[in-house]
Amino acid sequence: MKRKACVIGSGPNGLAAAIVLAQAGLHVDVLEAETTPGGAVRTLELTLPGFKHDFGSAVHPLGAGSPFFSSLPLRDHGLEWIHSPAPLAHPLDDGTAVVLERDLVDAKSALGIDGAAWVSLMQPFVEQWSKFAPEVLRPVLSFRVWQPIPFSRWTSR
């Protein structure tokens, strides 16, 4: 008799769990309350027709950049990660807003006098993402520091 598993929720974590269980030979049922899969990373037309909203995750680069998801042929099954050039904005009391740009050069320009500090902080992670991501996105119980210097940049500020 084939072993069975039931995963509740079809967000990235639920789907990752279902995939690992299926790869291990289990029969997996994924139960989702909504009509479309994706959990908080779904894109929905919430206001105007054709105007797409990031439903729940303000920024989801960790899913798109995940070593696990990157190892799977998800595009062959219809997954398309949609990336906004400006993934988030924060309104200020004076009516203006600070916009986080996807591109570091654009972010530096948009952040004015703070732009150079932002680039200094983020550039090492952008340049080393392929080494950094597998380390910080691994299961917590197997976490180890691969390079103390980039990690220390986060804690030294």
N, C-alpha and C. Protein backbone atom coordinates (compact mmCIF):
# COMPACT_ATOMS: atom_id res chain seq x y z
N MET A 1 0.84 -1.18 0.00
CA MET A 1 0.00 0.00 0.00
C MET A 1 0.89 1.25 0.00
N LYS A 2 0.61 2.17 -0.91
CA LYS A 2 1.40 3.39 -1.03
C LYS A 2 1.07 4.34 0.12
N ARG A 3 2.11 4.91 0.71
CA ARG A 3 1.90 5.87 1.79
C ARG A 3 1.25 7.14 1.25
N LYS A 4 0.47 7.81 2.11
CA LYS A 4 -0.26 9.00 1.69
C LYS A 4 0.09 10.17 2.60
N ALA A 5 -0.02 11.37 2.02
CA ALA A 5 0.17 12.60 2.80
C ALA A 5 -0.85 13.62 2.32
N CYS A 6 -1.25 14.49 3.21
CA CYS A 6 -2.18 15.55 2.88
C CYS A 6 -1.53 16.87 3.29
N VAL A 7 -1.43 17.79 2.35
CA VAL A 7 -0.86 19.11 2.62
C VAL A 7 -2.00 20.12 2.56
N ILE A 8 -2.08 20.95 3.60
CA ILE A 8 -3.13 21.96 3.67
C ILE A 8 -2.52 23.29 3.20
N GLY A 9 -3.03 23.80 2.11
CA GLY A 9 -2.57 25.09 1.58
C GLY A 9 -1.64 24.92 0.39
N SER A 10 -1.86 25.75 -0.63
CA SER A 10 -1.05 25.64 -1.84
C SER A 10 -0.17 26.87 -2.05
N GLY A 11 0.25 27.46 -0.94
CA GLY A 11 1.25 28.53 -1.04
C GLY A 11 2.61 27.90 -1.31
N PRO A 12 3.65 28.71 -1.42
CA PRO A 12 4.98 28.17 -1.72
C PRO A 12 5.45 27.09 -0.75
N ASN A 13 5.22 27.28 0.54
CA ASN A 13 5.67 26.27 1.50
C ASN A 13 4.88 24.98 1.37
N GLY A 14 3.57 25.09 1.20
CA GLY A 14 2.75 23.90 1.02
C GLY A 14 3.12 23.13 -0.23
N LEU A 15 3.31 23.88 -1.32
CA LEU A 15 3.68 23.21 -2.57
C LEU A 15 5.06 22.58 -2.48
N ALA A 16 5.99 23.26 -1.83
CA ALA A 16 7.33 22.68 -1.66
C ALA A 16 7.25 21.38 -0.86
N ALA A 17 6.46 21.40 0.21
CA ALA A 17 6.30 20.19 1.02
C ALA A 17 5.68 19.07 0.19
N ALA A 18 4.66 19.40 -0.59
CA ALA A 18 4.00 18.38 -1.42
C ALA A 18 4.96 17.79 -2.45
N ILE A 19 5.79 18.63 -3.03
CA ILE A 19 6.76 18.15 -4.03
C ILE A 19 7.77 17.20 -3.39
N VAL A 20 8.31 17.58 -2.24
CA VAL A 20 9.29 16.73 -1.56
C VAL A 20 8.66 15.40 -1.17
N LEU A 21 7.44 15.44 -0.67
CA LEU A 21 6.77 14.18 -0.30
C LEU A 21 6.51 13.31 -1.53
N ALA A 22 6.09 13.92 -2.62
CA ALA A 22 5.85 13.16 -3.85
C ALA A 22 7.16 12.59 -4.40
N GLN A 23 8.23 13.37 -4.33
CA GLN A 23 9.52 12.86 -4.78
C GLN A 23 9.99 11.68 -3.94
N ALA A 24 9.54 11.63 -2.69
CA ALA A 24 9.89 10.51 -1.80
C ALA A 24 8.98 9.31 -2.02
N GLY A 25 8.04 9.42 -2.95
CA GLY A 25 7.19 8.29 -3.30
C GLY A 25 5.83 8.25 -2.66
N LEU A 26 5.45 9.27 -1.93
CA LEU A 26 4.13 9.29 -1.30
C LEU A 26 3.08 9.79 -2.28
N HIS A 27 1.86 9.34 -2.08
CA HIS A 27 0.72 9.90 -2.79
C HIS A 27 0.33 11.15 -1.99
N VAL A 28 0.27 12.32 -2.67
CA VAL A 28 0.04 13.58 -1.96
C VAL A 28 -1.23 14.24 -2.47
N ASP A 29 -2.08 14.63 -1.54
CA ASP A 29 -3.24 15.47 -1.84
C ASP A 29 -2.94 16.85 -1.28
N VAL A 30 -3.14 17.88 -2.10
CA VAL A 30 -3.00 19.26 -1.64
C VAL A 30 -4.39 19.86 -1.56
N LEU A 31 -4.76 20.34 -0.39
CA LEU A 31 -6.08 20.95 -0.18
C LEU A 31 -5.92 22.46 -0.08
N GLU A 32 -6.72 23.18 -0.87
CA GLU A 32 -6.65 24.64 -0.91
C GLU A 32 -8.05 25.20 -0.82
N ALA A 33 -8.26 26.17 0.06
CA ALA A 33 -9.57 26.77 0.24
C ALA A 33 -9.95 27.71 -0.91
N GLU A 34 -8.96 28.29 -1.55
CA GLU A 34 -9.23 29.25 -2.63
C GLU A 34 -9.35 28.53 -3.97
N THR A 35 -9.86 29.25 -4.97
CA THR A 35 -10.05 28.64 -6.29
C THR A 35 -8.76 28.58 -7.10
N THR A 36 -7.78 29.38 -6.73
CA THR A 36 -6.49 29.34 -7.44
C THR A 36 -5.38 29.07 -6.43
N PRO A 37 -4.36 28.32 -6.85
CA PRO A 37 -3.25 28.03 -5.94
C PRO A 37 -2.33 29.24 -5.80
N GLY A 38 -1.44 29.16 -4.83
CA GLY A 38 -0.42 30.19 -4.69
C GLY A 38 -0.35 30.84 -3.33
N GLY A 39 -1.38 30.68 -2.53
CA GLY A 39 -1.36 31.30 -1.21
C GLY A 39 -1.17 32.81 -1.31
N ALA A 40 -0.27 33.33 -0.52
CA ALA A 40 -0.05 34.78 -0.46
C ALA A 40 0.71 35.32 -1.67
N VAL A 41 1.22 34.47 -2.54
CA VAL A 41 1.93 34.98 -3.71
C VAL A 41 1.07 34.99 -4.97
N ARG A 42 -0.23 34.87 -4.79
CA ARG A 42 -1.12 34.97 -5.93
C ARG A 42 -1.19 36.41 -6.43
N THR A 43 -1.41 36.55 -7.72
CA THR A 43 -1.64 37.87 -8.32
C THR A 43 -3.11 37.91 -8.74
N LEU A 44 -3.81 38.93 -8.28
CA LEU A 44 -5.24 39.03 -8.54
C LEU A 44 -5.62 40.42 -9.03
N GLU A 45 -6.68 40.48 -9.82
CA GLU A 45 -7.26 41.76 -10.22
C GLU A 45 -8.23 42.16 -9.12
N LEU A 46 -7.80 43.03 -8.23
CA LEU A 46 -8.61 43.38 -7.07
C LEU A 46 -9.37 44.69 -7.23
N THR A 47 -8.89 45.56 -8.11
CA THR A 47 -9.56 46.86 -8.25
C THR A 47 -10.13 47.02 -9.65
N LEU A 48 -9.28 47.37 -10.59
CA LEU A 48 -9.73 47.61 -11.96
C LEU A 48 -9.38 46.43 -12.86
N PRO A 49 -10.18 46.17 -13.89
CA PRO A 49 -9.84 45.08 -14.82
C PRO A 49 -8.46 45.30 -15.43
N GLY A 50 -7.66 44.26 -15.41
CA GLY A 50 -6.33 44.33 -15.99
C GLY A 50 -5.27 44.89 -15.04
N PHE A 51 -5.67 45.43 -13.91
CA PHE A 51 -4.73 45.98 -12.94
C PHE A 51 -4.46 44.91 -11.90
N LYS A 52 -3.26 44.36 -11.94
CA LYS A 52 -2.93 43.20 -11.10
C LYS A 52 -2.29 43.62 -9.79
N HIS A 53 -2.72 42.96 -8.74
CA HIS A 53 -2.23 43.25 -7.40
C HIS A 53 -1.50 42.05 -6.83
N ASP A 54 -0.46 42.34 -6.09
CA ASP A 54 0.23 41.34 -5.31
C ASP A 54 -0.67 41.09 -4.11
N PHE A 55 -1.32 39.95 -4.06
CA PHE A 55 -2.37 39.70 -3.09
C PHE A 55 -1.90 39.71 -1.64
N GLY A 56 -0.80 39.05 -1.34
CA GLY A 56 -0.45 38.93 0.06
C GLY A 56 1.00 39.17 0.41
N SER A 57 1.89 38.83 -0.46
CA SER A 57 3.30 39.01 -0.12
C SER A 57 3.79 40.33 -0.70
N ALA A 58 4.23 41.21 0.15
CA ALA A 58 4.68 42.52 -0.31
C ALA A 58 5.85 42.37 -1.27
N VAL A 59 6.72 41.48 -0.98
CA VAL A 59 7.87 41.21 -1.84
C VAL A 59 8.11 39.70 -1.75
N HIS A 60 8.23 39.03 -2.86
CA HIS A 60 8.47 37.59 -2.78
C HIS A 60 9.70 37.13 -3.56
N PRO A 61 10.84 37.83 -3.43
CA PRO A 61 12.03 37.36 -4.13
C PRO A 61 12.59 36.07 -3.56
N LEU A 62 12.25 35.75 -2.32
CA LEU A 62 12.79 34.52 -1.75
C LEU A 62 12.15 33.30 -2.39
N GLY A 63 10.92 33.41 -2.85
CA GLY A 63 10.31 32.31 -3.60
C GLY A 63 10.90 32.24 -4.99
N ALA A 64 10.95 33.37 -5.66
CA ALA A 64 11.47 33.41 -7.03
C ALA A 64 12.95 33.04 -7.07
N GLY A 65 13.70 33.39 -6.02
CA GLY A 65 15.13 33.10 -5.98
C GLY A 65 15.47 31.85 -5.20
N SER A 66 14.48 31.11 -4.79
CA SER A 66 14.69 29.92 -3.99
C SER A 66 15.47 28.85 -4.75
N PRO A 67 16.53 28.33 -4.14
CA PRO A 67 17.26 27.23 -4.79
C PRO A 67 16.35 26.03 -5.05
N PHE A 68 15.43 25.75 -4.13
CA PHE A 68 14.53 24.61 -4.32
C PHE A 68 13.63 24.83 -5.52
N PHE A 69 12.91 25.96 -5.56
CA PHE A 69 12.02 26.21 -6.69
C PHE A 69 12.79 26.37 -8.00
N SER A 70 14.00 26.91 -7.93
CA SER A 70 14.81 27.07 -9.14
C SER A 70 15.25 25.72 -9.71
N SER A 71 15.26 24.69 -8.86
CA SER A 71 15.69 23.37 -9.33
C SER A 71 14.57 22.61 -10.05
N LEU A 72 13.37 23.17 -10.06
CA LEU A 72 12.21 22.48 -10.64
C LEU A 72 11.80 23.12 -11.97
N PRO A 73 11.24 22.34 -12.89
CA PRO A 73 10.79 22.89 -14.18
C PRO A 73 9.41 23.55 -14.07
N LEU A 74 9.28 24.51 -13.18
CA LEU A 74 7.97 25.09 -12.89
C LEU A 74 7.39 25.85 -14.07
N ARG A 75 8.23 26.48 -14.86
CA ARG A 75 7.74 27.20 -16.05
C ARG A 75 7.03 26.23 -16.99
N ASP A 76 7.53 25.00 -17.08
CA ASP A 76 6.90 23.99 -17.94
C ASP A 76 5.48 23.66 -17.48
N HIS A 77 5.17 23.99 -16.23
CA HIS A 77 3.85 23.70 -15.67
C HIS A 77 3.01 24.96 -15.49
N GLY A 78 3.46 26.05 -16.10
CA GLY A 78 2.65 27.26 -16.12
C GLY A 78 3.00 28.34 -15.12
N LEU A 79 4.02 28.13 -14.28
CA LEU A 79 4.36 29.17 -13.31
C LEU A 79 5.12 30.29 -14.00
N GLU A 80 4.69 31.50 -13.74
CA GLU A 80 5.42 32.68 -14.20
C GLU A 80 5.54 33.63 -13.02
N TRP A 81 6.79 33.87 -12.58
CA TRP A 81 7.01 34.86 -11.53
C TRP A 81 6.89 36.23 -12.19
N ILE A 82 6.07 37.08 -11.63
CA ILE A 82 5.88 38.42 -12.16
C ILE A 82 6.63 39.39 -11.25
N HIS A 83 7.54 40.16 -11.83
CA HIS A 83 8.36 41.08 -11.06
C HIS A 83 8.05 42.52 -11.45
N SER A 84 7.61 43.28 -10.49
CA SER A 84 7.38 44.70 -10.72
C SER A 84 8.72 45.43 -10.68
N PRO A 85 8.91 46.45 -11.52
CA PRO A 85 10.16 47.21 -11.43
C PRO A 85 10.27 47.95 -10.09
N ALA A 86 9.14 48.25 -9.48
CA ALA A 86 9.11 48.88 -8.15
C ALA A 86 8.23 48.02 -7.26
N PRO A 87 8.82 47.06 -6.54
CA PRO A 87 8.01 46.09 -5.81
C PRO A 87 7.21 46.62 -4.62
N LEU A 88 7.59 47.76 -4.07
CA LEU A 88 6.79 48.29 -2.99
C LEU A 88 7.02 49.79 -2.83
N ALA A 89 6.07 50.43 -2.20
CA ALA A 89 6.17 51.85 -1.90
C ALA A 89 5.61 52.10 -0.52
N HIS A 90 6.14 53.12 0.13
CA HIS A 90 5.65 53.49 1.46
C HIS A 90 5.25 54.96 1.44
N PRO A 91 3.98 55.23 1.66
CA PRO A 91 3.53 56.63 1.66
C PRO A 91 4.03 57.36 2.91
N LEU A 92 4.38 58.62 2.72
CA LEU A 92 4.85 59.46 3.82
C LEU A 92 3.76 60.46 4.20
N ASP A 93 3.88 61.02 5.38
CA ASP A 93 2.86 61.94 5.89
C ASP A 93 2.67 63.17 5.00
N ASP A 94 3.71 63.58 4.28
CA ASP A 94 3.59 64.80 3.45
C ASP A 94 2.97 64.53 2.08
N GLY A 95 2.51 63.30 1.84
CA GLY A 95 1.86 62.98 0.58
C GLY A 95 2.80 62.37 -0.45
N THR A 96 4.10 62.40 -0.20
CA THR A 96 5.05 61.76 -1.11
C THR A 96 5.18 60.29 -0.70
N ALA A 97 6.01 59.57 -1.41
CA ALA A 97 6.22 58.16 -1.09
C ALA A 97 7.66 57.78 -1.38
N VAL A 98 8.14 56.81 -0.65
CA VAL A 98 9.44 56.21 -0.93
C VAL A 98 9.15 54.92 -1.69
N VAL A 99 9.80 54.75 -2.83
CA VAL A 99 9.57 53.57 -3.67
C VAL A 99 10.84 52.72 -3.66
N LEU A 100 10.68 51.43 -3.38
CA LEU A 100 11.79 50.51 -3.47
C LEU A 100 11.91 50.05 -4.91
N GLU A 101 13.02 50.33 -5.52
CA GLU A 101 13.26 49.94 -6.91
C GLU A 101 13.91 48.57 -6.95
N ARG A 102 13.65 47.83 -7.99
CA ARG A 102 14.23 46.50 -8.18
C ARG A 102 15.70 46.59 -8.55
N ASP A 103 16.06 47.61 -9.31
CA ASP A 103 17.43 47.80 -9.79
C ASP A 103 18.20 48.68 -8.79
N LEU A 104 19.41 48.27 -8.42
CA LEU A 104 20.17 49.03 -7.43
C LEU A 104 20.53 50.44 -7.90
N VAL A 105 20.82 50.60 -9.17
CA VAL A 105 21.14 51.94 -9.69
C VAL A 105 19.91 52.84 -9.56
N ASP A 106 18.75 52.32 -9.92
CA ASP A 106 17.52 53.10 -9.77
C ASP A 106 17.22 53.38 -8.30
N ALA A 107 17.48 52.40 -7.43
CA ALA A 107 17.24 52.59 -6.00
C ALA A 107 18.15 53.68 -5.45
N LYS A 108 19.40 53.64 -5.87
CA LYS A 108 20.35 54.66 -5.40
C LYS A 108 19.86 56.05 -5.76
N SER A 109 19.41 56.20 -6.97
CA SER A 109 18.91 57.50 -7.43
C SER A 109 17.65 57.90 -6.65
N ALA A 110 16.72 56.98 -6.48
CA ALA A 110 15.46 57.28 -5.82
C ALA A 110 15.63 57.61 -4.34
N LEU A 111 16.66 57.04 -3.70
CA LEU A 111 16.84 57.24 -2.26
C LEU A 111 17.67 58.48 -1.92
N GLY A 112 18.09 59.23 -2.94
CA GLY A 112 18.80 60.48 -2.70
C GLY A 112 20.05 60.30 -1.87
N ILE A 113 20.17 61.07 -0.77
CA ILE A 113 21.40 61.03 0.03
C ILE A 113 21.61 59.67 0.71
N ASP A 114 20.56 58.88 0.84
CA ASP A 114 20.69 57.56 1.44
C ASP A 114 20.99 56.47 0.42
N GLY A 115 21.00 56.83 -0.86
CA GLY A 115 21.19 55.85 -1.91
C GLY A 115 22.51 55.11 -1.86
N ALA A 116 23.59 55.82 -1.61
CA ALA A 116 24.90 55.18 -1.57
C ALA A 116 24.97 54.16 -0.43
N ALA A 117 24.40 54.51 0.72
CA ALA A 117 24.40 53.58 1.85
C ALA A 117 23.59 52.33 1.52
N TRP A 118 22.46 52.50 0.84
CA TRP A 118 21.62 51.36 0.45
C TRP A 118 22.40 50.43 -0.49
N VAL A 119 23.05 51.01 -1.48
CA VAL A 119 23.83 50.20 -2.42
C VAL A 119 24.96 49.48 -1.69
N SER A 120 25.63 50.19 -0.79
CA SER A 120 26.72 49.58 -0.02
C SER A 120 26.23 48.39 0.79
N LEU A 121 25.04 48.52 1.34
CA LEU A 121 24.46 47.44 2.14
C LEU A 121 24.02 46.26 1.28
N MET A 122 23.37 46.54 0.16
CA MET A 122 22.74 45.49 -0.64
C MET A 122 23.61 44.86 -1.73
N GLN A 123 24.56 45.60 -2.26
CA GLN A 123 25.38 45.12 -3.39
C GLN A 123 26.02 43.75 -3.13
N PRO A 124 26.62 43.52 -1.95
CA PRO A 124 27.22 42.19 -1.73
C PRO A 124 26.22 41.05 -1.82
N PHE A 125 25.00 41.27 -1.39
CA PHE A 125 24.00 40.23 -1.44
C PHE A 125 23.52 39.99 -2.86
N VAL A 126 23.41 41.05 -3.63
CA VAL A 126 23.03 40.92 -5.04
C VAL A 126 24.12 40.14 -5.78
N GLU A 127 25.36 40.53 -5.57
CA GLU A 127 26.48 39.89 -6.28
C GLU A 127 26.71 38.45 -5.86
N GLN A 128 26.41 38.12 -4.62
CA GLN A 128 26.68 36.78 -4.08
C GLN A 128 25.41 35.94 -3.89
N TRP A 129 24.29 36.35 -4.52
CA TRP A 129 23.02 35.67 -4.27
C TRP A 129 23.10 34.17 -4.49
N SER A 130 23.77 33.74 -5.53
CA SER A 130 23.80 32.30 -5.82
C SER A 130 24.51 31.51 -4.72
N LYS A 131 25.39 32.13 -3.97
CA LYS A 131 26.04 31.47 -2.83
C LYS A 131 25.26 31.71 -1.53
N PHE A 132 24.70 32.89 -1.41
CA PHE A 132 24.02 33.29 -0.19
C PHE A 132 22.67 32.58 -0.02
N ALA A 133 21.88 32.53 -1.09
CA ALA A 133 20.52 31.99 -1.03
C ALA A 133 20.45 30.56 -0.49
N PRO A 134 21.27 29.63 -0.99
CA PRO A 134 21.16 28.27 -0.46
C PRO A 134 21.44 28.19 1.03
N GLU A 135 22.26 29.10 1.53
CA GLU A 135 22.60 29.08 2.95
C GLU A 135 21.47 29.61 3.83
N VAL A 136 20.87 30.72 3.43
CA VAL A 136 19.83 31.31 4.29
C VAL A 136 18.45 30.72 4.05
N LEU A 137 18.26 30.03 2.94
CA LEU A 137 16.96 29.44 2.64
C LEU A 137 16.90 27.94 2.93
N ARG A 138 17.93 27.42 3.52
CA ARG A 138 17.94 26.01 3.88
C ARG A 138 17.08 25.80 5.13
N PRO A 139 16.71 24.57 5.43
CA PRO A 139 15.96 24.33 6.67
C PRO A 139 16.71 24.89 7.88
N VAL A 140 15.98 25.47 8.80
CA VAL A 140 16.57 26.16 9.94
C VAL A 140 17.50 25.24 10.74
N LEU A 141 17.13 24.00 10.93
CA LEU A 141 17.95 23.10 11.74
C LEU A 141 19.30 22.79 11.12
N SER A 142 19.47 23.06 9.81
CA SER A 142 20.76 22.80 9.19
C SER A 142 21.48 24.10 8.83
N PHE A 143 21.03 25.21 9.42
CA PHE A 143 21.62 26.51 9.11
C PHE A 143 23.06 26.58 9.59
N ARG A 144 23.90 27.11 8.74
CA ARG A 144 25.30 27.35 9.10
C ARG A 144 25.74 28.61 8.36
N VAL A 145 26.66 29.32 8.92
CA VAL A 145 27.15 30.56 8.29
C VAL A 145 28.24 30.19 7.31
N TRP A 146 28.05 30.53 6.04
CA TRP A 146 29.03 30.19 5.00
C TRP A 146 30.11 31.24 4.88
N GLN A 147 29.78 32.48 5.06
CA GLN A 147 30.74 33.58 4.97
C GLN A 147 30.40 34.58 6.05
N PRO A 148 31.17 34.70 7.10
CA PRO A 148 30.78 35.60 8.20
C PRO A 148 30.77 37.07 7.82
N ILE A 149 31.56 37.49 6.86
CA ILE A 149 31.63 38.92 6.54
C ILE A 149 30.31 39.45 5.97
N PRO A 150 29.72 38.85 4.93
CA PRO A 150 28.43 39.36 4.46
C PRO A 150 27.34 39.31 5.53
N PHE A 151 27.34 38.27 6.35
CA PHE A 151 26.35 38.20 7.42
C PHE A 151 26.58 39.31 8.44
N SER A 152 27.81 39.62 8.72
CA SER A 152 28.10 40.65 9.71
C SER A 152 27.65 42.02 9.23
N ARG A 153 27.55 42.22 7.93
CA ARG A 153 27.09 43.51 7.41
C ARG A 153 25.69 43.81 7.90
N TRP A 154 24.86 42.78 8.06
CA TRP A 154 23.50 42.99 8.55
C TRP A 154 23.48 43.36 10.02
N THR A 155 24.36 42.76 10.79
CA THR A 155 24.33 42.96 12.24
C THR A 155 25.15 44.15 12.70
N SER A 156 26.02 44.67 11.86
CA SER A 156 26.90 45.75 12.29
C SER A 156 26.26 47.12 12.15
N ARG A 157 25.04 47.21 11.63
CA ARG A 157 24.41 48.52 11.42
C ARG A 157 23.42 48.83 12.52
